[in-house]
Amino acid sequence: MPRYHLNVHDELNPAPAGFETLAAAEREAARTAAAIGLHKLPHDGACQAVVEVSDEHHQRVAVMTVSMRIDRPISPPRMLSPWAA
């Protein structure tokens, strides 16, 4: 029976145990890549997460890449101090 594994290119998320189907491994790869992005994006303003799916022979069979960026074209309004002159 084939087994599929995730290779996570990020120190935040350890790869879970092997999966019995490629579809299950791909779903978890997508979920993992998105979770990495959600964790890193607010802190860095931009991020990319790459999760590879490999088979029992260590052959890469799928790659999930998620890229996210926050653009802030307008500065947020500053609050005026009630003590400002």
Protein backbone atom coordinates (compact mmCIF):
# COMPACT_ATOMS: atom_id res chain seq x y z
CA MET A 1 0.00 0.00 0.00
CA PRO A 2 1.51 3.38 -0.97
CA ARG A 3 2.13 5.97 1.73
CA TYR A 4 2.46 9.72 1.17
CA HIS A 5 4.37 12.15 3.35
CA LEU A 6 4.59 15.93 3.67
CA ASN A 7 7.85 17.85 3.55
CA VAL A 8 7.18 21.21 5.17
CA HIS A 9 9.63 23.99 4.34
CA ASP A 10 8.97 25.92 7.50
CA GLU A 11 10.06 25.43 11.07
CA LEU A 12 6.62 26.23 12.51
CA ASN A 13 4.73 23.10 11.54
CA PRO A 14 6.02 19.56 11.92
CA ALA A 15 4.89 17.23 9.15
CA PRO A 16 2.11 14.86 10.26
CA ALA A 17 2.30 11.10 9.85
CA GLY A 18 1.99 9.43 6.45
CA PHE A 19 -1.25 9.38 4.45
CA GLU A 20 -2.83 6.44 2.64
CA THR A 21 -4.05 8.41 -0.39
CA LEU A 22 -2.60 11.19 -2.49
CA ALA A 23 -5.85 13.15 -2.14
CA ALA A 24 -5.60 13.07 1.67
CA ALA A 25 -1.96 14.17 1.53
CA GLU A 26 -2.79 17.02 -0.85
CA ARG A 27 -5.63 18.24 1.39
CA GLU A 28 -3.32 18.25 4.41
CA ALA A 29 -0.55 19.96 2.41
CA ALA A 30 -2.94 22.76 1.44
CA ARG A 31 -4.22 23.07 5.02
CA THR A 32 -0.65 23.18 6.37
CA ALA A 33 0.55 25.77 3.84
CA ALA A 34 -2.44 28.01 4.63
CA ALA A 35 -1.85 27.68 8.39
CA ILE A 36 1.78 28.72 7.96
CA GLY A 37 0.67 31.76 5.99
CA LEU A 38 -1.95 32.76 8.55
CA HIS A 39 0.63 32.56 11.33
CA LYS A 40 3.41 34.45 9.54
CA LEU A 41 1.51 37.05 7.51
CA PRO A 42 0.51 39.49 10.29
CA HIS A 43 4.09 39.62 11.56
CA ASP A 44 6.02 39.87 8.31
CA GLY A 45 3.60 41.59 5.91
CA ALA A 46 4.44 38.96 3.27
CA CYS A 47 5.13 35.25 3.35
CA GLN A 48 5.39 32.13 1.27
CA ALA A 49 4.91 28.57 2.46
CA VAL A 50 5.89 25.49 0.47
CA VAL A 51 4.72 21.99 1.33
CA GLU A 52 5.79 19.03 -0.80
CA VAL A 53 4.01 15.68 -0.97
CA SER A 54 6.27 12.69 -1.55
CA ASP A 55 5.55 9.00 -2.00
CA GLU A 56 7.09 6.04 -0.16
CA HIS A 57 10.06 6.19 -2.55
CA HIS A 58 10.72 9.83 -1.57
CA GLN A 59 9.62 10.98 -5.04
CA ARG A 60 7.90 14.37 -5.07
CA VAL A 61 4.36 13.96 -6.43
CA ALA A 62 2.82 17.37 -5.58
CA VAL A 63 3.89 20.79 -4.34
CA MET A 64 1.59 23.26 -2.56
CA THR A 65 2.78 26.87 -2.55
CA VAL A 66 0.88 29.64 -0.81
CA SER A 67 2.01 33.26 -1.15
CA MET A 68 0.37 36.09 0.77
CA ARG A 69 1.06 39.79 1.09
CA ILE A 70 -0.56 42.69 2.90
CA ASP A 71 -0.66 45.96 0.95
CA ARG A 72 -1.47 49.09 2.91
CA PRO A 73 -1.78 51.88 0.32
CA ILE A 74 -3.28 54.31 2.83
CA SER A 75 -1.80 54.95 6.24
CA PRO A 76 -4.23 54.35 9.09
CA PRO A 77 -5.56 57.56 10.65
CA ARG A 78 -3.68 58.79 13.66
CA MET A 79 -5.55 59.53 16.82
CA LEU A 80 -5.10 63.08 18.03
CA SER A 81 -4.23 63.47 21.65
CA PRO A 82 -6.73 65.54 23.64
CA TRP A 83 -3.66 67.35 25.03
CA ALA A 84 -2.25 68.27 21.62
CA ALA A 85 -1.98 71.96 20.94
